[in-house]
Amino acid sequence: MIKVDVRRNRDQKVESFTMSGHADSGPYGQDLVCAGASAISIGTLNAIVTLCNVELDVESKEDGGFLRCCIPSGLDETTFEKVQLLLEGMLVSLQSIAEEYSAFIEINEKSGR
């Protein structure tokens, strides 16, 4: 199962997220849940870097199964809001997958530091 853990601050803004595990919803190379979740998350990170010109703190494993991203502090308000919009879009897309394939992907949110 893919587990997505999202950490929000007290203002409910995304501070970081971690994706770990494997969906195992199909044979290797044909796992649509894994492919969809990977495309959404990597596409979002690429969009943040390219469109917002933000250097993210990202950790991943070459063999897959792990992705962590922390949003840097000190962004100007406009850039921060753009980053948040892209991250919220990512979560909406991942939640759409989770609604259809709940046996293979789970999303948890922690908030309020």
PDB file of N, CA and C in Angstrom:
ATOM      1  N   MET A   1       0.844  -1.183   0.000  1.00  0.00           N
ATOM      2  CA  MET A   1       0.000   0.000   0.000  1.00  0.00           C
ATOM      3  C   MET A   1       0.890   1.247   0.000  1.00  0.00           C
ATOM      4  N   ILE A   2       0.467   2.237  -0.747  1.00  0.00           N
ATOM      5  CA  ILE A   2       1.135   3.540  -0.724  1.00  0.00           C
ATOM      6  C   ILE A   2       0.518   4.345   0.410  1.00  0.00           C
ATOM      7  N   LYS A   3       1.371   4.883   1.272  1.00  0.00           N
ATOM      8  CA  LYS A   3       0.903   5.739   2.354  1.00  0.00           C
ATOM      9  C   LYS A   3       1.419   7.145   2.099  1.00  0.00           C
ATOM     10  N   VAL A   4       0.507   8.089   2.109  1.00  0.00           N
ATOM     11  CA  VAL A   4       0.840   9.497   1.931  1.00  0.00           C
ATOM     12  C   VAL A   4       0.578  10.187   3.260  1.00  0.00           C
ATOM     13  N   ASP A   5       1.625  10.747   3.843  1.00  0.00           N
ATOM     14  CA  ASP A   5       1.504  11.478   5.099  1.00  0.00           C
ATOM     15  C   ASP A   5       1.775  12.946   4.817  1.00  0.00           C
ATOM     16  N   VAL A   6       0.795  13.775   5.143  1.00  0.00           N
ATOM     17  CA  VAL A   6       0.880  15.214   4.894  1.00  0.00           C
ATOM     18  C   VAL A   6       0.939  15.927   6.234  1.00  0.00           C
ATOM     19  N   ARG A   7       1.909  16.812   6.393  1.00  0.00           N
ATOM     20  CA  ARG A   7       2.009  17.614   7.615  1.00  0.00           C
ATOM     21  C   ARG A   7       1.621  19.051   7.284  1.00  0.00           C
ATOM     22  N   ARG A   8       0.671  19.571   8.056  1.00  0.00           N
ATOM     23  CA  ARG A   8       0.211  20.949   7.888  1.00  0.00           C
ATOM     24  C   ARG A   8       0.583  21.765   9.125  1.00  0.00           C
ATOM     25  N   ASN A   9       0.767  23.071   8.926  1.00  0.00           N
ATOM     26  CA  ASN A   9       1.034  23.945  10.064  1.00  0.00           C
ATOM     27  C   ASN A   9      -0.289  24.353  10.710  1.00  0.00           C
ATOM     28  N   ARG A  10      -0.214  25.211  11.698  1.00  0.00           N
ATOM     29  CA  ARG A  10      -1.446  25.602  12.418  1.00  0.00           C
ATOM     30  C   ARG A  10      -2.409  26.386  11.534  1.00  0.00           C
ATOM     31  N   ASP A  11      -1.908  26.945  10.433  1.00  0.00           N
ATOM     32  CA  ASP A  11      -2.763  27.649   9.476  1.00  0.00           C
ATOM     33  C   ASP A  11      -3.287  26.722   8.378  1.00  0.00           C
ATOM     34  N   GLN A  12      -3.064  25.432   8.563  1.00  0.00           N
ATOM     35  CA  GLN A  12      -3.500  24.391   7.625  1.00  0.00           C
ATOM     36  C   GLN A  12      -2.777  24.443   6.279  1.00  0.00           C
ATOM     37  N   LYS A  13      -1.599  25.025   6.247  1.00  0.00           N
ATOM     38  CA  LYS A  13      -0.773  25.059   5.039  1.00  0.00           C
ATOM     39  C   LYS A  13       0.152  23.847   5.050  1.00  0.00           C
ATOM     40  N   VAL A  14       0.396  23.261   3.896  1.00  0.00           N
ATOM     41  CA  VAL A  14       1.246  22.073   3.792  1.00  0.00           C
ATOM     42  C   VAL A  14       2.692  22.463   4.070  1.00  0.00           C
ATOM     43  N   GLU A  15       3.302  21.779   5.034  1.00  0.00           N
ATOM     44  CA  GLU A  15       4.713  21.977   5.354  1.00  0.00           C
ATOM     45  C   GLU A  15       5.574  20.925   4.673  1.00  0.00           C
ATOM     46  N   SER A  16       5.042  19.689   4.609  1.00  0.00           N
ATOM     47  CA  SER A  16       5.792  18.586   4.015  1.00  0.00           C
ATOM     48  C   SER A  16       4.844  17.439   3.701  1.00  0.00           C
ATOM     49  N   PHE A  17       5.337  16.540   2.874  1.00  0.00           N
ATOM     50  CA  PHE A  17       4.612  15.288   2.656  1.00  0.00           C
ATOM     51  C   PHE A  17       5.606  14.171   2.394  1.00  0.00           C
ATOM     52  N   THR A  18       5.177  12.972   2.729  1.00  0.00           N
ATOM     53  CA  THR A  18       5.968  11.769   2.492  1.00  0.00           C
ATOM     54  C   THR A  18       5.066  10.736   1.846  1.00  0.00           C
ATOM     55  N   MET A  19       5.572  10.102   0.804  1.00  0.00           N
ATOM     56  CA  MET A  19       4.884   8.967   0.187  1.00  0.00           C
ATOM     57  C   MET A  19       5.803   7.766   0.353  1.00  0.00           C
ATOM     58  N   SER A  20       5.244   6.662   0.839  1.00  0.00           N
ATOM     59  CA  SER A  20       6.062   5.470   1.015  1.00  0.00           C
ATOM     60  C   SER A  20       5.251   4.224   0.710  1.00  0.00           C
ATOM     61  N   GLY A  21       5.965   3.192   0.318  1.00  0.00           N
ATOM     62  CA  GLY A  21       5.335   1.913   0.031  1.00  0.00           C
ATOM     63  C   GLY A  21       5.060   1.722  -1.446  1.00  0.00           C
ATOM     64  N   HIS A  22       4.481   0.580  -1.739  1.00  0.00           N
ATOM     65  CA  HIS A  22       4.136   0.212  -3.108  1.00  0.00           C
ATOM     66  C   HIS A  22       2.665  -0.179  -3.154  1.00  0.00           C
ATOM     67  N   ALA A  23       1.985   0.207  -4.203  1.00  0.00           N
ATOM     68  CA  ALA A  23       0.554  -0.098  -4.321  1.00  0.00           C
ATOM     69  C   ALA A  23       0.325  -1.593  -4.523  1.00  0.00           C
ATOM     70  N   ASP A  24       1.145  -2.215  -5.347  1.00  0.00           N
ATOM     71  CA  ASP A  24       0.970  -3.642  -5.678  1.00  0.00           C
ATOM     72  C   ASP A  24      -0.435  -3.933  -6.202  1.00  0.00           C
ATOM     73  N   SER A  25      -0.958  -3.009  -7.012  1.00  0.00           N
ATOM     74  CA  SER A  25      -2.298  -3.206  -7.572  1.00  0.00           C
ATOM     75  C   SER A  25      -2.261  -3.934  -8.906  1.00  0.00           C
ATOM     76  N   GLY A  26      -1.077  -4.259  -9.376  1.00  0.00           N
ATOM     77  CA  GLY A  26      -0.921  -4.973 -10.636  1.00  0.00           C
ATOM     78  C   GLY A  26       0.521  -5.418 -10.789  1.00  0.00           C
ATOM     79  N   PRO A  27       0.795  -6.180 -11.829  1.00  0.00           N
ATOM     80  CA  PRO A  27       2.170  -6.634 -12.060  1.00  0.00           C
ATOM     81  C   PRO A  27       3.120  -5.454 -12.257  1.00  0.00           C
ATOM     82  N   TYR A  28       4.398  -5.688 -11.956  1.00  0.00           N
ATOM     83  CA  TYR A  28       5.409  -4.655 -12.134  1.00  0.00           C
ATOM     84  C   TYR A  28       5.329  -4.113 -13.559  1.00  0.00           C
ATOM     85  N   GLY A  29       5.318  -2.805 -13.677  1.00  0.00           N
ATOM     86  CA  GLY A  29       5.216  -2.159 -14.982  1.00  0.00           C
ATOM     87  C   GLY A  29       3.791  -1.939 -15.448  1.00  0.00           C
ATOM     88  N   GLN A  30       2.822  -2.514 -14.719  1.00  0.00           N
ATOM     89  CA  GLN A  30       1.418  -2.350 -15.083  1.00  0.00           C
ATOM     90  C   GLN A  30       0.575  -1.888 -13.899  1.00  0.00           C
ATOM     91  N   ASP A  31       1.236  -1.406 -12.861  1.00  0.00           N
ATOM     92  CA  ASP A  31       0.560  -0.966 -11.647  1.00  0.00           C
ATOM     93  C   ASP A  31       0.071   0.466 -11.856  1.00  0.00           C
ATOM     94  N   LEU A  32      -1.200   0.613 -12.204  1.00  0.00           N
ATOM     95  CA  LEU A  32      -1.751   1.921 -12.530  1.00  0.00           C
ATOM     96  C   LEU A  32      -1.842   2.850 -11.323  1.00  0.00           C
ATOM     97  N   VAL A  33      -2.093   2.311 -10.143  1.00  0.00           N
ATOM     98  CA  VAL A  33      -2.168   3.154  -8.947  1.00  0.00           C
ATOM     99  C   VAL A  33      -0.795   3.752  -8.658  1.00  0.00           C
ATOM    100  N   CYS A  34       0.229   2.923  -8.728  1.00  0.00           N
ATOM    101  CA  CYS A  34       1.590   3.407  -8.508  1.00  0.00           C
ATOM    102  C   CYS A  34       1.985   4.432  -9.569  1.00  0.00           C
ATOM    103  N   ALA A  35       1.688   4.131 -10.813  1.00  0.00           N
ATOM    104  CA  ALA A  35       2.036   5.045 -11.900  1.00  0.00           C
ATOM    105  C   ALA A  35       1.318   6.384 -11.741  1.00  0.00           C
ATOM    106  N   GLY A  36       0.052   6.340 -11.395  1.00  0.00           N
ATOM    107  CA  GLY A  36      -0.719   7.571 -11.222  1.00  0.00           C
ATOM    108  C   GLY A  36      -0.213   8.405 -10.060  1.00  0.00           C
ATOM    109  N   ALA A  37       0.004   7.760  -8.911  1.00  0.00           N
ATOM    110  CA  ALA A  37       0.487   8.483  -7.732  1.00  0.00           C
ATOM    111  C   ALA A  37       1.878   9.059  -7.980  1.00  0.00           C
ATOM    112  N   SER A  38       2.721   8.298  -8.646  1.00  0.00           N
ATOM    113  CA  SER A  38       4.074   8.781  -8.955  1.00  0.00           C
ATOM    114  C   SER A  38       4.032   9.965  -9.910  1.00  0.00           C
ATOM    115  N   ALA A  39       3.239   9.860 -10.953  1.00  0.00           N
ATOM    116  CA  ALA A  39       3.146  10.942 -11.937  1.00  0.00           C
ATOM    117  C   ALA A  39       2.611  12.226 -11.295  1.00  0.00           C
ATOM    118  N   ILE A  40       1.608  12.088 -10.457  1.00  0.00           N
ATOM    119  CA  ILE A  40       1.027  13.260  -9.800  1.00  0.00           C
ATOM    120  C   ILE A  40       2.044  13.924  -8.879  1.00  0.00           C
ATOM    121  N   SER A  41       2.700  13.142  -8.031  1.00  0.00           N
ATOM    122  CA  SER A  41       3.619  13.732  -7.054  1.00  0.00           C
ATOM    123  C   SER A  41       4.867  14.312  -7.715  1.00  0.00           C
ATOM    124  N   ILE A  42       5.487  13.582  -8.620  1.00  0.00           N
ATOM    125  CA  ILE A  42       6.696  14.078  -9.299  1.00  0.00           C
ATOM    126  C   ILE A  42       6.334  15.273 -10.193  1.00  0.00           C
ATOM    127  N   GLY A  43       5.200  15.207 -10.863  1.00  0.00           N
ATOM    128  CA  GLY A  43       4.751  16.328 -11.690  1.00  0.00           C
ATOM    129  C   GLY A  43       4.534  17.584 -10.873  1.00  0.00           C
ATOM    130  N   THR A  44       3.988  17.426  -9.668  1.00  0.00           N
ATOM    131  CA  THR A  44       3.780  18.579  -8.790  1.00  0.00           C
ATOM    132  C   THR A  44       5.108  19.180  -8.363  1.00  0.00           C
ATOM    133  N   LEU A  45       6.048  18.349  -7.975  1.00  0.00           N
ATOM    134  CA  LEU A  45       7.361  18.862  -7.564  1.00  0.00           C
ATOM    135  C   LEU A  45       8.054  19.568  -8.721  1.00  0.00           C
ATOM    136  N   ASN A  46       7.981  18.983  -9.904  1.00  0.00           N
ATOM    137  CA  ASN A  46       8.570  19.628 -11.080  1.00  0.00           C
ATOM    138  C   ASN A  46       7.897  20.971 -11.368  1.00  0.00           C
ATOM    139  N   ALA A  47       6.587  21.042 -11.193  1.00  0.00           N
ATOM    140  CA  ALA A  47       5.862  22.298 -11.424  1.00  0.00           C
ATOM    141  C   ALA A  47       6.284  23.358 -10.411  1.00  0.00           C
ATOM    142  N   ILE A  48       6.446  22.975  -9.161  1.00  0.00           N
ATOM    143  CA  ILE A  48       6.866  23.934  -8.133  1.00  0.00           C
ATOM    144  C   ILE A  48       8.250  24.490  -8.459  1.00  0.00           C
ATOM    145  N   VAL A  49       9.171  23.602  -8.810  1.00  0.00           N
ATOM    146  CA  VAL A  49      10.537  24.032  -9.132  1.00  0.00           C
ATOM    147  C   VAL A  49      10.544  24.929 -10.363  1.00  0.00           C
ATOM    148  N   THR A  50       9.833  24.526 -11.410  1.00  0.00           N
ATOM    149  CA  THR A  50       9.864  25.254 -12.677  1.00  0.00           C
ATOM    150  C   THR A  50       9.031  26.524 -12.669  1.00  0.00           C
ATOM    151  N   LEU A  51       7.805  26.443 -12.193  1.00  0.00           N
ATOM    152  CA  LEU A  51       6.896  27.585 -12.265  1.00  0.00           C
ATOM    153  C   LEU A  51       7.073  28.584 -11.130  1.00  0.00           C
ATOM    154  N   CYS A  52       7.491  28.088  -9.969  1.00  0.00           N
ATOM    155  CA  CYS A  52       7.632  28.971  -8.811  1.00  0.00           C
ATOM    156  C   CYS A  52       9.086  29.299  -8.502  1.00  0.00           C
ATOM    157  N   ASN A  53       9.995  28.638  -9.199  1.00  0.00           N
ATOM    158  CA  ASN A  53      11.431  28.857  -8.993  1.00  0.00           C
ATOM    159  C   ASN A  53      11.818  28.652  -7.527  1.00  0.00           C
ATOM    160  N   VAL A  54      11.325  27.542  -6.953  1.00  0.00           N
ATOM    161  CA  VAL A  54      11.572  27.220  -5.550  1.00  0.00           C
ATOM    162  C   VAL A  54      12.444  25.966  -5.484  1.00  0.00           C
ATOM    163  N   GLU A  55      13.484  26.046  -4.703  1.00  0.00           N
ATOM    164  CA  GLU A  55      14.354  24.903  -4.460  1.00  0.00           C
ATOM    165  C   GLU A  55      13.768  24.112  -3.296  1.00  0.00           C
ATOM    166  N   LEU A  56      13.288  22.906  -3.576  1.00  0.00           N
ATOM    167  CA  LEU A  56      12.642  22.077  -2.564  1.00  0.00           C
ATOM    168  C   LEU A  56      13.650  21.153  -1.887  1.00  0.00           C
ATOM    169  N   ASP A  57      13.351  20.773  -0.660  1.00  0.00           N
ATOM    170  CA  ASP A  57      14.122  19.765   0.056  1.00  0.00           C
ATOM    171  C   ASP A  57      13.442  18.433  -0.232  1.00  0.00           C
ATOM    172  N   VAL A  58      14.025  17.649  -1.150  1.00  0.00           N
ATOM    173  CA  VAL A  58      13.406  16.401  -1.601  1.00  0.00           C
ATOM    174  C   VAL A  58      14.347  15.238  -1.339  1.00  0.00           C
ATOM    175  N   GLU A  59      13.774  14.148  -0.867  1.00  0.00           N
ATOM    176  CA  GLU A  59      14.514  12.903  -0.691  1.00  0.00           C
ATOM    177  C   GLU A  59      13.709  11.796  -1.357  1.00  0.00           C
ATOM    178  N   SER A  60      14.384  10.960  -2.128  1.00  0.00           N
ATOM    179  CA  SER A  60      13.701   9.823  -2.758  1.00  0.00           C
ATOM    180  C   SER A  60      14.671   8.661  -2.834  1.00  0.00           C
ATOM    181  N   LYS A  61      14.132   7.491  -3.114  1.00  0.00           N
ATOM    182  CA  LYS A  61      14.955   6.300  -3.286  1.00  0.00           C
ATOM    183  C   LYS A  61      14.874   5.866  -4.731  1.00  0.00           C
ATOM    184  N   GLU A  62      16.009   5.490  -5.283  1.00  0.00           N
ATOM    185  CA  GLU A  62      16.076   5.114  -6.699  1.00  0.00           C
ATOM    186  C   GLU A  62      15.142   3.977  -7.055  1.00  0.00           C
ATOM    187  N   ASP A  63      14.985   3.016  -6.160  1.00  0.00           N
ATOM    188  CA  ASP A  63      14.131   1.861  -6.454  1.00  0.00           C
ATOM    189  C   ASP A  63      12.652   2.173  -6.267  1.00  0.00           C
ATOM    190  N   GLY A  64      12.344   3.424  -5.968  1.00  0.00           N
ATOM    191  CA  GLY A  64      10.948   3.816  -5.757  1.00  0.00           C
ATOM    192  C   GLY A  64      10.499   3.478  -4.356  1.00  0.00           C
ATOM    193  N   GLY A  65       9.268   3.757  -4.091  1.00  0.00           N
ATOM    194  CA  GLY A  65       8.707   3.411  -2.797  1.00  0.00           C
ATOM    195  C   GLY A  65       8.936   4.433  -1.706  1.00  0.00           C
ATOM    196  N   PHE A  66       9.598   5.560  -2.019  1.00  0.00           N
ATOM    197  CA  PHE A  66       9.790   6.591  -1.000  1.00  0.00           C
ATOM    198  C   PHE A  66      10.027   7.946  -1.647  1.00  0.00           C
ATOM    199  N   LEU A  67       9.270   8.944  -1.186  1.00  0.00           N
ATOM    200  CA  LEU A  67       9.436  10.327  -1.629  1.00  0.00           C
ATOM    201  C   LEU A  67       9.065  11.232  -0.465  1.00  0.00           C
ATOM    202  N   ARG A  68       9.974  12.128  -0.100  1.00  0.00           N
ATOM    203  CA  ARG A  68       9.708  13.096   0.951  1.00  0.00           C
ATOM    204  C   ARG A  68      10.024  14.477   0.415  1.00  0.00           C
ATOM    205  N   CYS A  69       9.158  15.435   0.720  1.00  0.00           N
ATOM    206  CA  CYS A  69       9.370  16.814   0.289  1.00  0.00           C
ATOM    207  C   CYS A  69       8.998  17.759   1.418  1.00  0.00           C
ATOM    208  N   CYS A  70       9.923  18.678   1.735  1.00  0.00           N
ATOM    209  CA  CYS A  70       9.669  19.727   2.724  1.00  0.00           C
ATOM    210  C   CYS A  70       9.665  21.067   2.003  1.00  0.00           C
ATOM    211  N   ILE A  71       8.697  21.893   2.335  1.00  0.00           N
ATOM    212  CA  ILE A  71       8.593  23.217   1.744  1.00  0.00           C
ATOM    213  C   ILE A  71       9.511  24.153   2.530  1.00  0.00           C
ATOM    214  N   PRO A  72      10.377  24.876   1.837  1.00  0.00           N
ATOM    215  CA  PRO A  72      11.296  25.758   2.565  1.00  0.00           C
ATOM    216  C   PRO A  72      10.555  26.915   3.231  1.00  0.00           C
ATOM    217  N   SER A  73      11.087  27.346   4.353  1.00  0.00           N
ATOM    218  CA  SER A  73      10.515  28.524   5.020  1.00  0.00           C
ATOM    219  C   SER A  73      11.109  29.776   4.383  1.00  0.00           C
ATOM    220  N   GLY A  74      10.491  30.898   4.633  1.00  0.00           N
ATOM    221  CA  GLY A  74      11.024  32.159   4.151  1.00  0.00           C
ATOM    222  C   GLY A  74      10.649  32.530   2.732  1.00  0.00           C
ATOM    223  N   LEU A  75       9.698  31.805   2.137  1.00  0.00           N
ATOM    224  CA  LEU A  75       9.235  32.173   0.799  1.00  0.00           C
ATOM    225  C   LEU A  75       8.398  33.446   0.891  1.00  0.00           C
ATOM    226  N   ASP A  76       8.458  34.284  -0.145  1.00  0.00           N
ATOM    227  CA  ASP A  76       7.574  35.452  -0.135  1.00  0.00           C
ATOM    228  C   ASP A  76       6.127  34.958  -0.254  1.00  0.00           C
ATOM    229  N   GLU A  77       5.197  35.785   0.181  1.00  0.00           N
ATOM    230  CA  GLU A  77       3.791  35.371   0.290  1.00  0.00           C
ATOM    231  C   GLU A  77       3.206  34.897  -1.039  1.00  0.00           C
ATOM    232  N   THR A  78       3.489  35.587  -2.120  1.00  0.00           N
ATOM    233  CA  THR A  78       2.948  35.216  -3.425  1.00  0.00           C
ATOM    234  C   THR A  78       3.463  33.843  -3.855  1.00  0.00           C
ATOM    235  N   THR A  79       4.747  33.630  -3.721  1.00  0.00           N
ATOM    236  CA  THR A  79       5.337  32.339  -4.090  1.00  0.00           C
ATOM    237  C   THR A  79       4.798  31.235  -3.198  1.00  0.00           C
ATOM    238  N   PHE A  80       4.717  31.496  -1.900  1.00  0.00           N
ATOM    239  CA  PHE A  80       4.205  30.513  -0.952  1.00  0.00           C
ATOM    240  C   PHE A  80       2.792  30.079  -1.327  1.00  0.00           C
ATOM    241  N   GLU A  81       1.938  31.032  -1.679  1.00  0.00           N
ATOM    242  CA  GLU A  81       0.558  30.705  -2.045  1.00  0.00           C
ATOM    243  C   GLU A  81       0.504  29.889  -3.342  1.00  0.00           C
ATOM    244  N   LYS A  82       1.371  30.185  -4.281  1.00  0.00           N
ATOM    245  CA  LYS A  82       1.426  29.393  -5.517  1.00  0.00           C
ATOM    246  C   LYS A  82       1.846  27.960  -5.219  1.00  0.00           C
ATOM    247  N   VAL A  83       2.850  27.817  -4.362  1.00  0.00           N
ATOM    248  CA  VAL A  83       3.304  26.476  -3.965  1.00  0.00           C
ATOM    249  C   VAL A  83       2.169  25.725  -3.279  1.00  0.00           C
ATOM    250  N   GLN A  84       1.456  26.405  -2.391  1.00  0.00           N
ATOM    251  CA  GLN A  84       0.346  25.767  -1.687  1.00  0.00           C
ATOM    252  C   GLN A  84      -0.756  25.324  -2.651  1.00  0.00           C
ATOM    253  N   LEU A  85      -1.058  26.157  -3.632  1.00  0.00           N
ATOM    254  CA  LEU A  85      -2.086  25.798  -4.616  1.00  0.00           C
ATOM    255  C   LEU A  85      -1.688  24.538  -5.379  1.00  0.00           C
ATOM    256  N   LEU A  86      -0.434  24.462  -5.791  1.00  0.00           N
ATOM    257  CA  LEU A  86       0.028  23.272  -6.503  1.00  0.00           C
ATOM    258  C   LEU A  86      -0.021  22.040  -5.599  1.00  0.00           C
ATOM    259  N   LEU A  87       0.361  22.182  -4.339  1.00  0.00           N
ATOM    260  CA  LEU A  87       0.312  21.050  -3.414  1.00  0.00           C
ATOM    261  C   LEU A  87      -1.121  20.614  -3.129  1.00  0.00           C
ATOM    262  N   GLU A  88      -2.029  21.572  -2.974  1.00  0.00           N
ATOM    263  CA  GLU A  88      -3.440  21.213  -2.751  1.00  0.00           C
ATOM    264  C   GLU A  88      -4.014  20.502  -3.981  1.00  0.00           C
ATOM    265  N   GLY A  89      -3.607  20.943  -5.174  1.00  0.00           N
ATOM    266  CA  GLY A  89      -4.018  20.252  -6.398  1.00  0.00           C
ATOM    267  C   GLY A  89      -3.509  18.821  -6.426  1.00  0.00           C
ATOM    268  N   MET A  90      -2.264  18.627  -5.994  1.00  0.00           N
ATOM    269  CA  MET A  90      -1.706  17.282  -5.902  1.00  0.00           C
ATOM    270  C   MET A  90      -2.545  16.417  -4.969  1.00  0.00           C
ATOM    271  N   LEU A  91      -2.908  16.968  -3.812  1.00  0.00           N
ATOM    272  CA  LEU A  91      -3.687  16.198  -2.842  1.00  0.00           C
ATOM    273  C   LEU A  91      -5.077  15.854  -3.360  1.00  0.00           C
ATOM    274  N   VAL A  92      -5.703  16.772  -4.064  1.00  0.00           N
ATOM    275  CA  VAL A  92      -7.013  16.475  -4.663  1.00  0.00           C
ATOM    276  C   VAL A  92      -6.885  15.304  -5.637  1.00  0.00           C
ATOM    277  N   SER A  93      -5.857  15.325  -6.453  1.00  0.00           N
ATOM    278  CA  SER A  93      -5.651  14.251  -7.421  1.00  0.00           C
ATOM    279  C   SER A  93      -5.364  12.919  -6.722  1.00  0.00           C
ATOM    280  N   LEU A  94      -4.520  12.941  -5.699  1.00  0.00           N
ATOM    281  CA  LEU A  94      -4.230  11.707  -4.958  1.00  0.00           C
ATOM    282  C   LEU A  94      -5.466  11.196  -4.238  1.00  0.00           C
ATOM    283  N   GLN A  95      -6.288  12.108  -3.691  1.00  0.00           N
ATOM    284  CA  GLN A  95      -7.520  11.694  -3.021  1.00  0.00           C
ATOM    285  C   GLN A  95      -8.510  11.061  -4.004  1.00  0.00           C
ATOM    286  N   SER A  96      -8.502  11.534  -5.242  1.00  0.00           N
ATOM    287  CA  SER A  96      -9.359  10.923  -6.272  1.00  0.00           C
ATOM    288  C   SER A  96      -8.947   9.476  -6.513  1.00  0.00           C
ATOM    289  N   ILE A  97      -7.656   9.232  -6.549  1.00  0.00           N
ATOM    290  CA  ILE A  97      -7.168   7.854  -6.701  1.00  0.00           C
ATOM    291  C   ILE A  97      -7.545   7.039  -5.473  1.00  0.00           C
ATOM    292  N   ALA A  98      -7.358   7.612  -4.285  1.00  0.00           N
ATOM    293  CA  ALA A  98      -7.650   6.890  -3.046  1.00  0.00           C
ATOM    294  C   ALA A  98      -9.130   6.537  -2.916  1.00  0.00           C
ATOM    295  N   GLU A  99     -10.011   7.382  -3.421  1.00  0.00           N
ATOM    296  CA  GLU A  99     -11.444   7.079  -3.371  1.00  0.00           C
ATOM    297  C   GLU A  99     -11.775   5.847  -4.210  1.00  0.00           C
ATOM    298  N   GLU A 100     -11.115   5.719  -5.319  1.00  0.00           N
ATOM    299  CA  GLU A 100     -11.385   4.606  -6.233  1.00  0.00           C
ATOM    300  C   GLU A 100     -10.603   3.343  -5.869  1.00  0.00           C
ATOM    301  N   TYR A 101      -9.418   3.520  -5.292  1.00  0.00           N
ATOM    302  CA  TYR A 101      -8.506   2.396  -5.037  1.00  0.00           C
ATOM    303  C   TYR A 101      -8.014   2.404  -3.596  1.00  0.00           C
ATOM    304  N   SER A 102      -8.945   2.462  -2.642  1.00  0.00           N
ATOM    305  CA  SER A 102      -8.593   2.608  -1.231  1.00  0.00           C
ATOM    306  C   SER A 102      -7.789   1.430  -0.669  1.00  0.00           C
ATOM    307  N   ALA A 103      -7.819   0.307  -1.316  1.00  0.00           N
ATOM    308  CA  ALA A 103      -7.027  -0.836  -0.857  1.00  0.00           C
ATOM    309  C   ALA A 103      -5.547  -0.672  -1.174  1.00  0.00           C
ATOM    310  N   PHE A 104      -5.214   0.317  -2.011  1.00  0.00           N
ATOM    311  CA  PHE A 104      -3.844   0.456  -2.490  1.00  0.00           C
ATOM    312  C   PHE A 104      -3.173   1.783  -2.131  1.00  0.00           C
ATOM    313  N   ILE A 105      -3.938   2.776  -1.683  1.00  0.00           N
ATOM    314  CA  ILE A 105      -3.362   4.082  -1.328  1.00  0.00           C
ATOM    315  C   ILE A 105      -4.158   4.701  -0.187  1.00  0.00           C
ATOM    316  N   GLU A 106      -3.439   5.263   0.765  1.00  0.00           N
ATOM    317  CA  GLU A 106      -4.056   5.861   1.952  1.00  0.00           C
ATOM    318  C   GLU A 106      -3.411   7.221   2.187  1.00  0.00           C
ATOM    319  N   ILE A 107      -4.225   8.212   2.513  1.00  0.00           N
ATOM    320  CA  ILE A 107      -3.728   9.568   2.747  1.00  0.00           C
ATOM    321  C   ILE A 107      -4.067   9.962   4.185  1.00  0.00           C
ATOM    322  N   ASN A 108      -3.050  10.389   4.925  1.00  0.00           N
ATOM    323  CA  ASN A 108      -3.207  10.838   6.305  1.00  0.00           C
ATOM    324  C   ASN A 108      -2.693  12.254   6.432  1.00  0.00           C
ATOM    325  N   GLU A 109      -3.405  13.068   7.185  1.00  0.00           N
ATOM    326  CA  GLU A 109      -2.974  14.449   7.393  1.00  0.00           C
ATOM    327  C   GLU A 109      -2.812  14.725   8.878  1.00  0.00           C
ATOM    328  N   LYS A 110      -1.708  15.378   9.217  1.00  0.00           N
ATOM    329  CA  LYS A 110      -1.446  15.810  10.596  1.00  0.00           C
ATOM    330  C   LYS A 110      -1.319  17.315  10.556  1.00  0.00           C
ATOM    331  N   SER A 111      -1.928  17.965  11.533  1.00  0.00           N
ATOM    332  CA  SER A 111      -1.863  19.416  11.526  1.00  0.00           C
ATOM    333  C   SER A 111      -1.716  19.992  12.905  1.00  0.00           C
ATOM    334  N   GLY A 112      -1.344  21.283  12.889  1.00  0.00           N
ATOM    335  CA  GLY A 112      -1.394  22.086  14.082  1.00  0.00           C
ATOM    336  C   GLY A 112      -0.140  22.229  14.889  1.00  0.00           C
ATOM    337  N   ARG A 113       0.991  22.422  14.334  1.00  0.00           N
ATOM    338  CA  ARG A 113       2.195  22.647  15.146  1.00  0.00           C
ATOM    339  C   ARG A 113       2.163  23.992  15.774  1.00  0.00           C
TER     340      ARG A 113
END
